[in-house]
Amino acid sequence: MEVKALVEQQGIIKFNREEIEENLKRIEKKYLNLVFTEEELELAKAERANLNNLEKSLATYRKDIVAEVTAPIKTFEDFMKDAEKRAKAIAKNIDVQIKSFEEKEKEARTLIVKEFLKQKFEENQNYKEFENMFVLTDTIYTNKGSFTPAGKIATKLSTHMQTIFNQIEEILEGRRVQKELIEQKKQLIATTCKSISMMLNLEIELDPNNFDYLKNGELAQITEEIQKAGNRAKAQQDERLEEIKKKQFEKAQQELEEVEIIEKTPAEKEEKTSKTTGEIPKEKLFYAEFSIDGIPLELAKEVSAWLKDKGVKYTVKSQYTKMEEIKCKEL
């Protein structure tokens, strides 16, 4: 439809313009810069009233004439505004229907994509966690050009999704490589713990689980940290073994003292005899040094008893019992 409008005659208004102009100029010339005196005050008031009436008459006449001339224009304007609103309402209604149809089309296309992805996820369960990488609200998944006339996925959309699947494969491959590396490092930790434990003769081997935090470290760092831990464990073990030896020695010494294996030195014995009898022994004494290189404790008691029975004076300079095996759990 084409709107056709014809202005048949422009508004022409004839009025006594020259007369009005002439009178206004005369009045302006007479009163515009005039200063009234007290005697002329009444005349000034009268002239003011006349001019006010003239101003009102001019305004009223102007409005009436303009309204008369513009009446056809107002009718035309009102009709056209109403026609515009009606056309806009019709277009809006059609727009709603078009959008509703397009939304249904988009939903149908989205379902096609969802079904395609569902099949892919069933074929490879590892893809499922990356489902959010396919943003189905993007226009590429809903545009008409992304699908064939038969409703199948077209090359453009297929290529787009394949690119995402390739990215997923790269992520999964990176995970596999990382997992293998971690397993290799775990094996290295276990082997290193065992080797260092054997090298340092640790009673309790180093526990690989205590070094899990190293699985993300460098190979040199792993060996260095386990070596340090082994040295610390060795130092602690030596300290505990030394403490055990000391306790065992004190225990053995106490047992020997109980069976009187430890005797007073000759000087102490003579001093004790002198104090008792008041006499200094005149006998000629024979002195010798000998050591016993490991005999059972019971035999040591018998030797001590035999020497005592024979009156042999002797001094035990040092004594200890050698442990064949010390269990770490006794520490």
C-alpha atoms as a PDB file:
ATOM      1  CA  MET A   1       0.000   0.000   0.000  1.00  0.00           C
ATOM      2  CA  GLU A   2       1.204   3.491  -0.888  1.00  0.00           C
ATOM      3  CA  VAL A   3       0.026   6.564   0.979  1.00  0.00           C
ATOM      4  CA  LYS A   4      -1.021   9.390  -1.359  1.00  0.00           C
ATOM      5  CA  ALA A   5      -1.673  12.904  -0.047  1.00  0.00           C
ATOM      6  CA  LEU A   6      -2.227  16.100  -2.037  1.00  0.00           C
ATOM      7  CA  VAL A   7      -2.089  19.626  -0.673  1.00  0.00           C
ATOM      8  CA  GLU A   8      -4.666  21.356  -2.859  1.00  0.00           C
ATOM      9  CA  GLN A   9      -4.099  24.916  -1.610  1.00  0.00           C
ATOM     10  CA  GLN A  10      -1.704  26.389   0.902  1.00  0.00           C
ATOM     11  CA  GLY A  11      -3.238  28.446   3.679  1.00  0.00           C
ATOM     12  CA  ILE A  12      -3.544  32.099   2.522  1.00  0.00           C
ATOM     13  CA  ILE A  13      -4.573  34.717   5.119  1.00  0.00           C
ATOM     14  CA  LYS A  14      -5.324  38.269   4.070  1.00  0.00           C
ATOM     15  CA  PHE A  15      -5.319  40.947   6.796  1.00  0.00           C
ATOM     16  CA  ASN A  16      -4.503  44.655   7.301  1.00  0.00           C
ATOM     17  CA  ARG A  17      -0.873  44.081   8.057  1.00  0.00           C
ATOM     18  CA  GLU A  18       0.310  47.555   6.947  1.00  0.00           C
ATOM     19  CA  GLU A  19      -2.264  49.327   9.129  1.00  0.00           C
ATOM     20  CA  ILE A  20      -1.279  47.325  12.230  1.00  0.00           C
ATOM     21  CA  GLU A  21       2.392  47.886  11.548  1.00  0.00           C
ATOM     22  CA  GLU A  22       1.899  51.638  11.085  1.00  0.00           C
ATOM     23  CA  ASN A  23      -0.063  52.011  14.332  1.00  0.00           C
ATOM     24  CA  LEU A  24       2.497  49.979  16.361  1.00  0.00           C
ATOM     25  CA  LYS A  25       5.363  52.118  15.078  1.00  0.00           C
ATOM     26  CA  ARG A  26       3.480  55.292  15.971  1.00  0.00           C
ATOM     27  CA  ILE A  27       2.770  54.060  19.480  1.00  0.00           C
ATOM     28  CA  GLU A  28       6.378  52.823  19.968  1.00  0.00           C
ATOM     29  CA  LYS A  29       7.767  56.154  18.848  1.00  0.00           C
ATOM     30  CA  LYS A  30       5.510  58.042  21.220  1.00  0.00           C
ATOM     31  CA  TYR A  31       5.699  55.929  24.375  1.00  0.00           C
ATOM     32  CA  LEU A  32       8.716  53.602  24.219  1.00  0.00           C
ATOM     33  CA  ASN A  33      11.238  56.088  25.649  1.00  0.00           C
ATOM     34  CA  LEU A  34       8.784  58.506  27.215  1.00  0.00           C
ATOM     35  CA  VAL A  35       9.087  59.485  30.902  1.00  0.00           C
ATOM     36  CA  PHE A  36       5.736  60.534  32.343  1.00  0.00           C
ATOM     37  CA  THR A  37       5.338  63.407  34.775  1.00  0.00           C
ATOM     38  CA  GLU A  38       2.948  63.431  37.694  1.00  0.00           C
ATOM     39  CA  GLU A  39       0.416  65.429  35.702  1.00  0.00           C
ATOM     40  CA  GLU A  40       0.508  62.834  32.874  1.00  0.00           C
ATOM     41  CA  LEU A  41       0.102  59.810  35.139  1.00  0.00           C
ATOM     42  CA  GLU A  42      -3.627  59.421  34.465  1.00  0.00           C
ATOM     43  CA  LEU A  43      -3.032  59.626  30.746  1.00  0.00           C
ATOM     44  CA  ALA A  44      -0.307  56.939  31.022  1.00  0.00           C
ATOM     45  CA  LYS A  45      -2.666  54.575  32.834  1.00  0.00           C
ATOM     46  CA  ALA A  46      -5.295  55.008  30.202  1.00  0.00           C
ATOM     47  CA  GLU A  47      -2.805  54.347  27.400  1.00  0.00           C
ATOM     48  CA  ARG A  48      -1.542  51.230  29.235  1.00  0.00           C
ATOM     49  CA  ALA A  49      -5.060  49.867  29.445  1.00  0.00           C
ATOM     50  CA  ASN A  50      -5.635  50.532  25.763  1.00  0.00           C
ATOM     51  CA  LEU A  51      -2.406  48.749  24.803  1.00  0.00           C
ATOM     52  CA  ASN A  52      -3.199  45.740  27.026  1.00  0.00           C
ATOM     53  CA  ASN A  53      -6.568  45.406  25.330  1.00  0.00           C
ATOM     54  CA  LEU A  54      -4.857  45.654  21.952  1.00  0.00           C
ATOM     55  CA  GLU A  55      -2.406  42.868  22.897  1.00  0.00           C
ATOM     56  CA  LYS A  56      -5.251  40.585  23.983  1.00  0.00           C
ATOM     57  CA  SER A  57      -7.225  41.295  20.822  1.00  0.00           C
ATOM     58  CA  LEU A  58      -4.230  40.508  18.620  1.00  0.00           C
ATOM     59  CA  ALA A  59      -3.588  37.227  20.438  1.00  0.00           C
ATOM     60  CA  THR A  60      -7.211  36.110  20.277  1.00  0.00           C
ATOM     61  CA  TYR A  61      -7.553  36.917  16.592  1.00  0.00           C
ATOM     62  CA  ARG A  62      -4.281  35.101  15.808  1.00  0.00           C
ATOM     63  CA  LYS A  63      -5.335  31.943  17.594  1.00  0.00           C
ATOM     64  CA  ASP A  64      -8.744  31.883  15.915  1.00  0.00           C
ATOM     65  CA  ILE A  65      -7.344  32.330  12.429  1.00  0.00           C
ATOM     66  CA  VAL A  66      -4.542  29.746  12.946  1.00  0.00           C
ATOM     67  CA  ALA A  67      -7.045  27.215  14.293  1.00  0.00           C
ATOM     68  CA  GLU A  68      -9.295  27.767  11.295  1.00  0.00           C
ATOM     69  CA  VAL A  69      -6.434  27.378   8.839  1.00  0.00           C
ATOM     70  CA  THR A  70      -4.841  24.329  10.556  1.00  0.00           C
ATOM     71  CA  ALA A  71      -8.066  22.413  11.121  1.00  0.00           C
ATOM     72  CA  PRO A  72      -7.658  20.300   7.952  1.00  0.00           C
ATOM     73  CA  ILE A  73      -4.020  19.618   8.879  1.00  0.00           C
ATOM     74  CA  LYS A  74      -5.048  18.493  12.388  1.00  0.00           C
ATOM     75  CA  THR A  75      -7.606  16.082  10.927  1.00  0.00           C
ATOM     76  CA  PHE A  76      -5.019  14.637   8.573  1.00  0.00           C
ATOM     77  CA  GLU A  77      -2.400  14.348  11.337  1.00  0.00           C
ATOM     78  CA  ASP A  78      -4.745  12.551  13.743  1.00  0.00           C
ATOM     79  CA  PHE A  79      -5.801  10.040  11.100  1.00  0.00           C
ATOM     80  CA  MET A  80      -2.215   9.295  10.056  1.00  0.00           C
ATOM     81  CA  LYS A  81      -1.074   8.791  13.675  1.00  0.00           C
ATOM     82  CA  ASP A  82      -3.888   6.285  14.230  1.00  0.00           C
ATOM     83  CA  ALA A  83      -2.991   4.484  10.992  1.00  0.00           C
ATOM     84  CA  GLU A  84       0.646   4.257  12.117  1.00  0.00           C
ATOM     85  CA  LYS A  85      -0.353   2.646  15.442  1.00  0.00           C
ATOM     86  CA  ARG A  86      -2.562   0.093  13.702  1.00  0.00           C
ATOM     87  CA  ALA A  87       0.213  -0.845  11.248  1.00  0.00           C
ATOM     88  CA  LYS A  88       2.705  -1.185  14.099  1.00  0.00           C
ATOM     89  CA  ALA A  89       0.329  -3.468  16.058  1.00  0.00           C
ATOM     90  CA  ILE A  90      -0.112  -5.739  13.044  1.00  0.00           C
ATOM     91  CA  ALA A  91       3.676  -5.903  12.490  1.00  0.00           C
ATOM     92  CA  LYS A  92       4.219  -6.715  16.162  1.00  0.00           C
ATOM     93  CA  ASN A  93       1.724  -9.569  16.041  1.00  0.00           C
ATOM     94  CA  ILE A  94       3.425 -11.006  12.954  1.00  0.00           C
ATOM     95  CA  ASP A  95       6.842 -10.608  14.659  1.00  0.00           C
ATOM     96  CA  VAL A  96       5.620 -12.656  17.644  1.00  0.00           C
ATOM     97  CA  GLN A  97       4.523 -15.454  15.354  1.00  0.00           C
ATOM     98  CA  ILE A  98       7.793 -15.396  13.412  1.00  0.00           C
ATOM     99  CA  LYS A  99       9.866 -15.534  16.592  1.00  0.00           C
ATOM    100  CA  SER A 100       7.723 -18.348  17.961  1.00  0.00           C
ATOM    101  CA  PHE A 101       8.274 -20.331  14.785  1.00  0.00           C
ATOM    102  CA  GLU A 102      12.017 -19.606  14.820  1.00  0.00           C
ATOM    103  CA  GLU A 103      12.283 -20.693  18.463  1.00  0.00           C
ATOM    104  CA  LYS A 104      10.646 -24.006  17.619  1.00  0.00           C
ATOM    105  CA  GLU A 105      13.076 -24.415  14.745  1.00  0.00           C
ATOM    106  CA  LYS A 106      16.015 -23.684  17.067  1.00  0.00           C
ATOM    107  CA  GLU A 107      14.713 -26.182  19.633  1.00  0.00           C
ATOM    108  CA  ALA A 108      14.428 -28.834  16.931  1.00  0.00           C
ATOM    109  CA  ARG A 109      18.003 -28.155  15.757  1.00  0.00           C
ATOM    110  CA  THR A 110      19.284 -28.180  19.340  1.00  0.00           C
ATOM    111  CA  LEU A 111      17.698 -31.600  19.888  1.00  0.00           C
ATOM    112  CA  ILE A 112      19.546 -32.903  16.825  1.00  0.00           C
ATOM    113  CA  VAL A 113      22.857 -31.683  18.304  1.00  0.00           C
ATOM    114  CA  LYS A 114      22.033 -33.120  21.755  1.00  0.00           C
ATOM    115  CA  GLU A 115      21.276 -36.520  20.244  1.00  0.00           C
ATOM    116  CA  PHE A 116      24.539 -36.412  18.301  1.00  0.00           C
ATOM    117  CA  LEU A 117      26.543 -35.516  21.441  1.00  0.00           C
ATOM    118  CA  LYS A 118      24.746 -38.172  23.499  1.00  0.00           C
ATOM    119  CA  GLN A 119      25.885 -40.815  21.053  1.00  0.00           C
ATOM    120  CA  LYS A 120      29.459 -39.497  21.183  1.00  0.00           C
ATOM    121  CA  PHE A 121      29.467 -39.531  24.996  1.00  0.00           C
ATOM    122  CA  GLU A 122      28.178 -43.112  25.019  1.00  0.00           C
ATOM    123  CA  GLU A 123      30.971 -44.137  22.654  1.00  0.00           C
ATOM    124  CA  ASN A 124      33.585 -42.486  24.870  1.00  0.00           C
ATOM    125  CA  GLN A 125      32.626 -42.013  28.525  1.00  0.00           C
ATOM    126  CA  ASN A 126      35.678 -39.789  29.090  1.00  0.00           C
ATOM    127  CA  TYR A 127      34.042 -37.098  26.940  1.00  0.00           C
ATOM    128  CA  LYS A 128      31.067 -36.719  29.295  1.00  0.00           C
ATOM    129  CA  GLU A 129      32.788 -34.402  31.774  1.00  0.00           C
ATOM    130  CA  PHE A 130      33.524 -31.926  28.954  1.00  0.00           C
ATOM    131  CA  GLU A 131      29.869 -31.553  27.962  1.00  0.00           C
ATOM    132  CA  ASN A 132      29.870 -27.875  28.990  1.00  0.00           C
ATOM    133  CA  MET A 133      32.421 -27.133  26.258  1.00  0.00           C
ATOM    134  CA  PHE A 134      29.554 -27.413  23.763  1.00  0.00           C
ATOM    135  CA  VAL A 135      27.629 -24.154  24.364  1.00  0.00           C
ATOM    136  CA  LEU A 136      24.369 -25.011  22.631  1.00  0.00           C
ATOM    137  CA  THR A 137      23.108 -21.431  22.975  1.00  0.00           C
ATOM    138  CA  ASP A 138      25.709 -20.270  20.440  1.00  0.00           C
ATOM    139  CA  THR A 139      24.193 -19.405  17.080  1.00  0.00           C
ATOM    140  CA  ILE A 140      26.317 -21.972  15.264  1.00  0.00           C
ATOM    141  CA  TYR A 141      24.202 -24.715  16.881  1.00  0.00           C
ATOM    142  CA  THR A 142      20.879 -23.104  15.930  1.00  0.00           C
ATOM    143  CA  ASN A 143      21.488 -21.329  12.612  1.00  0.00           C
ATOM    144  CA  LYS A 144      19.660 -22.738   9.616  1.00  0.00           C
ATOM    145  CA  GLY A 145      22.928 -22.782   7.683  1.00  0.00           C
ATOM    146  CA  SER A 146      24.446 -25.279  10.149  1.00  0.00           C
ATOM    147  CA  PHE A 147      22.039 -27.985   8.982  1.00  0.00           C
ATOM    148  CA  THR A 148      21.192 -29.617   5.664  1.00  0.00           C
ATOM    149  CA  PRO A 149      17.692 -29.337   4.123  1.00  0.00           C
ATOM    150  CA  ALA A 150      17.084 -32.876   5.390  1.00  0.00           C
ATOM    151  CA  GLY A 151      17.760 -31.765   8.982  1.00  0.00           C
ATOM    152  CA  LYS A 152      21.210 -33.323   9.300  1.00  0.00           C
ATOM    153  CA  ILE A 153      24.307 -31.648  10.757  1.00  0.00           C
ATOM    154  CA  ALA A 154      26.123 -29.791   7.977  1.00  0.00           C
ATOM    155  CA  THR A 155      29.878 -29.610   7.394  1.00  0.00           C
ATOM    156  CA  LYS A 156      30.345 -26.249   9.127  1.00  0.00           C
ATOM    157  CA  LEU A 157      28.816 -27.399  12.427  1.00  0.00           C
ATOM    158  CA  SER A 158      30.432 -30.839  12.178  1.00  0.00           C
ATOM    159  CA  THR A 159      33.869 -29.245  11.785  1.00  0.00           C
ATOM    160  CA  HIS A 160      33.197 -26.965  14.754  1.00  0.00           C
ATOM    161  CA  MET A 161      32.309 -29.873  17.066  1.00  0.00           C
ATOM    162  CA  GLN A 162      35.206 -32.009  15.809  1.00  0.00           C
ATOM    163  CA  THR A 163      37.587 -29.207  16.770  1.00  0.00           C
ATOM    164  CA  ILE A 164      36.241 -29.367  20.319  1.00  0.00           C
ATOM    165  CA  PHE A 165      36.577 -33.172  20.387  1.00  0.00           C
ATOM    166  CA  ASN A 166      40.218 -32.792  19.305  1.00  0.00           C
ATOM    167  CA  GLN A 167      40.800 -30.367  22.174  1.00  0.00           C
ATOM    168  CA  ILE A 168      39.240 -32.883  24.577  1.00  0.00           C
ATOM    169  CA  GLU A 169      41.563 -35.606  23.263  1.00  0.00           C
ATOM    170  CA  GLU A 170      44.563 -33.342  23.869  1.00  0.00           C
ATOM    171  CA  ILE A 171      43.439 -32.800  27.464  1.00  0.00           C
ATOM    172  CA  LEU A 172      42.909 -36.531  28.026  1.00  0.00           C
ATOM    173  CA  GLU A 173      46.276 -37.375  26.475  1.00  0.00           C
ATOM    174  CA  GLY A 174      47.960 -34.844  28.735  1.00  0.00           C
ATOM    175  CA  ARG A 175      46.299 -36.507  31.713  1.00  0.00           C
ATOM    176  CA  ARG A 176      47.471 -39.947  30.597  1.00  0.00           C
ATOM    177  CA  VAL A 177      51.050 -38.756  30.198  1.00  0.00           C
ATOM    178  CA  GLN A 178      50.919 -37.050  33.581  1.00  0.00           C
ATOM    179  CA  LYS A 179      49.508 -40.181  35.198  1.00  0.00           C
ATOM    180  CA  GLU A 180      52.234 -42.366  33.698  1.00  0.00           C
ATOM    181  CA  LEU A 181      54.897 -39.931  34.880  1.00  0.00           C
ATOM    182  CA  ILE A 182      53.441 -39.937  38.377  1.00  0.00           C
ATOM    183  CA  GLU A 183      53.411 -43.741  38.422  1.00  0.00           C
ATOM    184  CA  GLN A 184      57.061 -43.780  37.299  1.00  0.00           C
ATOM    185  CA  LYS A 185      57.957 -41.352  40.061  1.00  0.00           C
ATOM    186  CA  LYS A 186      56.074 -43.443  42.612  1.00  0.00           C
ATOM    187  CA  GLN A 187      58.087 -46.471  41.501  1.00  0.00           C
ATOM    188  CA  LEU A 188      61.277 -44.430  41.721  1.00  0.00           C
ATOM    189  CA  ILE A 189      60.342 -43.358  45.254  1.00  0.00           C
ATOM    190  CA  ALA A 190      59.687 -46.970  46.309  1.00  0.00           C
ATOM    191  CA  THR A 191      62.942 -48.231  44.765  1.00  0.00           C
ATOM    192  CA  THR A 192      64.984 -45.372  46.213  1.00  0.00           C
ATOM    193  CA  CYS A 193      63.519 -45.903  49.685  1.00  0.00           C
ATOM    194  CA  LYS A 194      64.422 -49.592  49.593  1.00  0.00           C
ATOM    195  CA  SER A 195      67.949 -49.007  48.236  1.00  0.00           C
ATOM    196  CA  ILE A 196      68.806 -46.292  50.754  1.00  0.00           C
ATOM    197  CA  SER A 197      67.349 -48.354  53.592  1.00  0.00           C
ATOM    198  CA  MET A 198      69.624 -51.275  52.642  1.00  0.00           C
ATOM    199  CA  MET A 199      72.648 -49.051  52.093  1.00  0.00           C
ATOM    200  CA  LEU A 200      72.276 -47.454  55.537  1.00  0.00           C
ATOM    201  CA  ASN A 201      71.289 -50.758  57.221  1.00  0.00           C
ATOM    202  CA  LEU A 202      68.108 -49.248  58.584  1.00  0.00           C
ATOM    203  CA  GLU A 203      66.211 -51.546  60.929  1.00  0.00           C
ATOM    204  CA  ILE A 204      62.934 -50.020  59.681  1.00  0.00           C
ATOM    205  CA  GLU A 205      62.881 -49.265  55.969  1.00  0.00           C
ATOM    206  CA  LEU A 206      61.821 -45.843  54.735  1.00  0.00           C
ATOM    207  CA  ASP A 207      58.087 -45.791  53.931  1.00  0.00           C
ATOM    208  CA  PRO A 208      57.432 -44.660  50.312  1.00  0.00           C
ATOM    209  CA  ASN A 209      54.024 -43.327  51.359  1.00  0.00           C
ATOM    210  CA  ASN A 210      55.787 -40.651  53.386  1.00  0.00           C
ATOM    211  CA  PHE A 211      57.195 -39.220  50.147  1.00  0.00           C
ATOM    212  CA  ASP A 212      54.000 -38.962  48.080  1.00  0.00           C
ATOM    213  CA  TYR A 213      54.421 -35.196  48.034  1.00  0.00           C
ATOM    214  CA  LEU A 214      57.520 -35.708  45.838  1.00  0.00           C
ATOM    215  CA  LYS A 215      55.582 -37.226  42.936  1.00  0.00           C
ATOM    216  CA  ASN A 216      55.279 -33.763  41.403  1.00  0.00           C
ATOM    217  CA  GLY A 217      58.969 -32.941  41.877  1.00  0.00           C
ATOM    218  CA  GLU A 218      62.050 -33.385  39.720  1.00  0.00           C
ATOM    219  CA  LEU A 219      63.890 -36.710  39.693  1.00  0.00           C
ATOM    220  CA  ALA A 220      67.008 -35.218  41.326  1.00  0.00           C
ATOM    221  CA  GLN A 221      64.857 -33.667  44.046  1.00  0.00           C
ATOM    222  CA  ILE A 222      63.203 -37.021  44.782  1.00  0.00           C
ATOM    223  CA  THR A 223      66.538 -38.803  45.318  1.00  0.00           C
ATOM    224  CA  GLU A 224      67.967 -35.930  47.357  1.00  0.00           C
ATOM    225  CA  GLU A 225      64.975 -35.698  49.706  1.00  0.00           C
ATOM    226  CA  ILE A 226      64.869 -39.452  50.334  1.00  0.00           C
ATOM    227  CA  GLN A 227      68.650 -39.497  50.937  1.00  0.00           C
ATOM    228  CA  LYS A 228      68.270 -36.754  53.538  1.00  0.00           C
ATOM    229  CA  ALA A 229      65.429 -38.626  55.220  1.00  0.00           C
ATOM    230  CA  GLY A 230      67.529 -41.812  55.246  1.00  0.00           C
ATOM    231  CA  ASN A 231      70.462 -40.037  56.897  1.00  0.00           C
ATOM    232  CA  ARG A 232      68.151 -38.622  59.544  1.00  0.00           C
ATOM    233  CA  ALA A 233      66.681 -42.070  60.198  1.00  0.00           C
ATOM    234  CA  LYS A 234      70.186 -43.557  60.393  1.00  0.00           C
ATOM    235  CA  ALA A 235      71.296 -40.951  62.927  1.00  0.00           C
ATOM    236  CA  GLN A 236      68.211 -41.589  65.040  1.00  0.00           C
ATOM    237  CA  GLN A 237      68.735 -45.348  64.833  1.00  0.00           C
ATOM    238  CA  ASP A 238      72.396 -45.072  65.867  1.00  0.00           C
ATOM    239  CA  GLU A 239      71.400 -42.882  68.761  1.00  0.00           C
ATOM    240  CA  ARG A 240      68.791 -45.388  69.921  1.00  0.00           C
ATOM    241  CA  LEU A 241      71.183 -48.340  69.501  1.00  0.00           C
ATOM    242  CA  GLU A 242      73.818 -46.514  71.525  1.00  0.00           C
ATOM    243  CA  GLU A 243      71.272 -45.912  74.235  1.00  0.00           C
ATOM    244  CA  ILE A 244      70.318 -49.619  74.219  1.00  0.00           C
ATOM    245  CA  LYS A 245      73.962 -50.682  74.425  1.00  0.00           C
ATOM    246  CA  LYS A 246      74.435 -48.369  77.343  1.00  0.00           C
ATOM    247  CA  LYS A 247      71.419 -49.794  79.142  1.00  0.00           C
ATOM    248  CA  GLN A 248      72.497 -53.374  78.403  1.00  0.00           C
ATOM    249  CA  PHE A 249      75.994 -52.650  79.662  1.00  0.00           C
ATOM    250  CA  GLU A 250      74.650 -51.156  82.878  1.00  0.00           C
ATOM    251  CA  LYS A 251      72.379 -54.166  83.314  1.00  0.00           C
ATOM    252  CA  ALA A 252      75.237 -56.645  82.758  1.00  0.00           C
ATOM    253  CA  GLN A 253      77.501 -54.733  85.123  1.00  0.00           C
ATOM    254  CA  GLN A 254      74.819 -54.847  87.780  1.00  0.00           C
ATOM    255  CA  GLU A 255      74.457 -58.629  87.321  1.00  0.00           C
ATOM    256  CA  LEU A 256      78.220 -59.121  87.590  1.00  0.00           C
ATOM    257  CA  GLU A 257      78.372 -57.011  90.698  1.00  0.00           C
ATOM    258  CA  GLU A 258      75.655 -59.144  92.213  1.00  0.00           C
ATOM    259  CA  VAL A 259      77.792 -62.294  91.838  1.00  0.00           C
ATOM    260  CA  GLU A 260      80.929 -60.381  92.931  1.00  0.00           C
ATOM    261  CA  ILE A 261      82.701 -60.663  89.581  1.00  0.00           C
ATOM    262  CA  ILE A 262      84.007 -57.161  90.116  1.00  0.00           C
ATOM    263  CA  GLU A 263      86.598 -57.161  92.918  1.00  0.00           C
ATOM    264  CA  LYS A 264      88.422 -54.376  94.618  1.00  0.00           C
ATOM    265  CA  THR A 265      91.772 -53.366  93.139  1.00  0.00           C
ATOM    266  CA  PRO A 266      94.913 -54.738  94.890  1.00  0.00           C
ATOM    267  CA  ALA A 267      95.611 -51.318  96.350  1.00  0.00           C
ATOM    268  CA  GLU A 268      92.076 -51.045  97.713  1.00  0.00           C
ATOM    269  CA  LYS A 269      92.312 -54.625  99.089  1.00  0.00           C
ATOM    270  CA  GLU A 270      95.659 -53.995 100.837  1.00  0.00           C
ATOM    271  CA  GLU A 271      94.356 -50.704 102.215  1.00  0.00           C
ATOM    272  CA  LYS A 272      91.335 -52.513 103.610  1.00  0.00           C
ATOM    273  CA  THR A 273      93.536 -55.290 105.109  1.00  0.00           C
ATOM    274  CA  SER A 274      95.921 -52.783 106.648  1.00  0.00           C
ATOM    275  CA  LYS A 275      93.108 -50.923 108.267  1.00  0.00           C
ATOM    276  CA  THR A 276      91.761 -54.189 109.671  1.00  0.00           C
ATOM    277  CA  THR A 277      94.990 -55.798 110.998  1.00  0.00           C
ATOM    278  CA  GLY A 278      97.312 -52.890 111.158  1.00  0.00           C
ATOM    279  CA  GLU A 279      99.972 -54.963 109.347  1.00  0.00           C
ATOM    280  CA  ILE A 280     101.508 -54.558 105.876  1.00  0.00           C
ATOM    281  CA  PRO A 281     101.547 -57.768 103.825  1.00  0.00           C
ATOM    282  CA  LYS A 282     105.096 -59.039 103.309  1.00  0.00           C
ATOM    283  CA  GLU A 283     104.356 -61.733 100.809  1.00  0.00           C
ATOM    284  CA  LYS A 284     105.822 -61.484  97.307  1.00  0.00           C
ATOM    285  CA  LEU A 285     103.009 -60.945  94.833  1.00  0.00           C
ATOM    286  CA  PHE A 286     102.772 -61.879  91.145  1.00  0.00           C
ATOM    287  CA  TYR A 287     100.912 -59.590  88.764  1.00  0.00           C
ATOM    288  CA  ALA A 288      99.608 -60.373  85.287  1.00  0.00           C
ATOM    289  CA  GLU A 289      97.055 -59.008  82.833  1.00  0.00           C
ATOM    290  CA  PHE A 290      94.767 -61.158  80.754  1.00  0.00           C
ATOM    291  CA  SER A 291      91.393 -60.735  79.000  1.00  0.00           C
ATOM    292  CA  ILE A 292      88.470 -63.006  78.385  1.00  0.00           C
ATOM    293  CA  ASP A 293      87.348 -62.871  74.757  1.00  0.00           C
ATOM    294  CA  GLY A 294      83.648 -63.633  75.029  1.00  0.00           C
ATOM    295  CA  ILE A 295      82.376 -66.382  77.308  1.00  0.00           C
ATOM    296  CA  PRO A 296      78.846 -67.093  78.508  1.00  0.00           C
ATOM    297  CA  LEU A 297      77.729 -65.149  81.537  1.00  0.00           C
ATOM    298  CA  GLU A 298      77.303 -68.316  83.623  1.00  0.00           C
ATOM    299  CA  LEU A 299      80.883 -69.381  82.828  1.00  0.00           C
ATOM    300  CA  ALA A 300      82.085 -65.901  83.800  1.00  0.00           C
ATOM    301  CA  LYS A 301      80.395 -66.408  87.159  1.00  0.00           C
ATOM    302  CA  GLU A 302      82.153 -69.761  87.598  1.00  0.00           C
ATOM    303  CA  VAL A 303      85.564 -68.249  86.705  1.00  0.00           C
ATOM    304  CA  SER A 304      84.960 -65.456  89.203  1.00  0.00           C
ATOM    305  CA  ALA A 305      84.017 -67.972  91.907  1.00  0.00           C
ATOM    306  CA  TRP A 306      87.098 -70.117  91.158  1.00  0.00           C
ATOM    307  CA  LEU A 307      89.485 -67.116  91.352  1.00  0.00           C
ATOM    308  CA  LYS A 308      87.880 -66.088  94.592  1.00  0.00           C
ATOM    309  CA  ASP A 309      88.184 -69.575  95.982  1.00  0.00           C
ATOM    310  CA  LYS A 310      91.897 -69.636  95.102  1.00  0.00           C
ATOM    311  CA  GLY A 311      92.486 -66.254  96.642  1.00  0.00           C
ATOM    312  CA  VAL A 312      93.577 -64.733  93.340  1.00  0.00           C
ATOM    313  CA  LYS A 313      93.457 -60.971  93.379  1.00  0.00           C
ATOM    314  CA  TYR A 314      92.300 -59.421  90.050  1.00  0.00           C
ATOM    315  CA  THR A 315      90.894 -56.249  88.558  1.00  0.00           C
ATOM    316  CA  VAL A 316      88.220 -55.998  85.922  1.00  0.00           C
ATOM    317  CA  LYS A 317      89.195 -52.992  83.816  1.00  0.00           C
ATOM    318  CA  SER A 318      86.217 -53.209  81.418  1.00  0.00           C
ATOM    319  CA  GLN A 319      83.310 -55.493  80.789  1.00  0.00           C
ATOM    320  CA  TYR A 320      80.384 -55.672  78.409  1.00  0.00           C
ATOM    321  CA  THR A 321      78.002 -58.144  76.879  1.00  0.00           C
ATOM    322  CA  LYS A 322      77.794 -58.279  73.065  1.00  0.00           C
ATOM    323  CA  MET A 323      74.291 -58.413  71.643  1.00  0.00           C
ATOM    324  CA  GLU A 324      73.940 -60.543  68.557  1.00  0.00           C
ATOM    325  CA  GLU A 325      70.764 -58.783  67.407  1.00  0.00           C
ATOM    326  CA  ILE A 326      68.898 -55.702  68.647  1.00  0.00           C
ATOM    327  CA  LYS A 327      65.314 -55.305  67.619  1.00  0.00           C
ATOM    328  CA  CYS A 328      64.321 -51.753  66.780  1.00  0.00           C
ATOM    329  CA  LYS A 329      61.019 -52.208  68.493  1.00  0.00           C
ATOM    330  CA  GLU A 330      62.960 -52.455  71.770  1.00  0.00           C
ATOM    331  CA  LEU A 331      64.143 -48.829  71.252  1.00  0.00           C
END
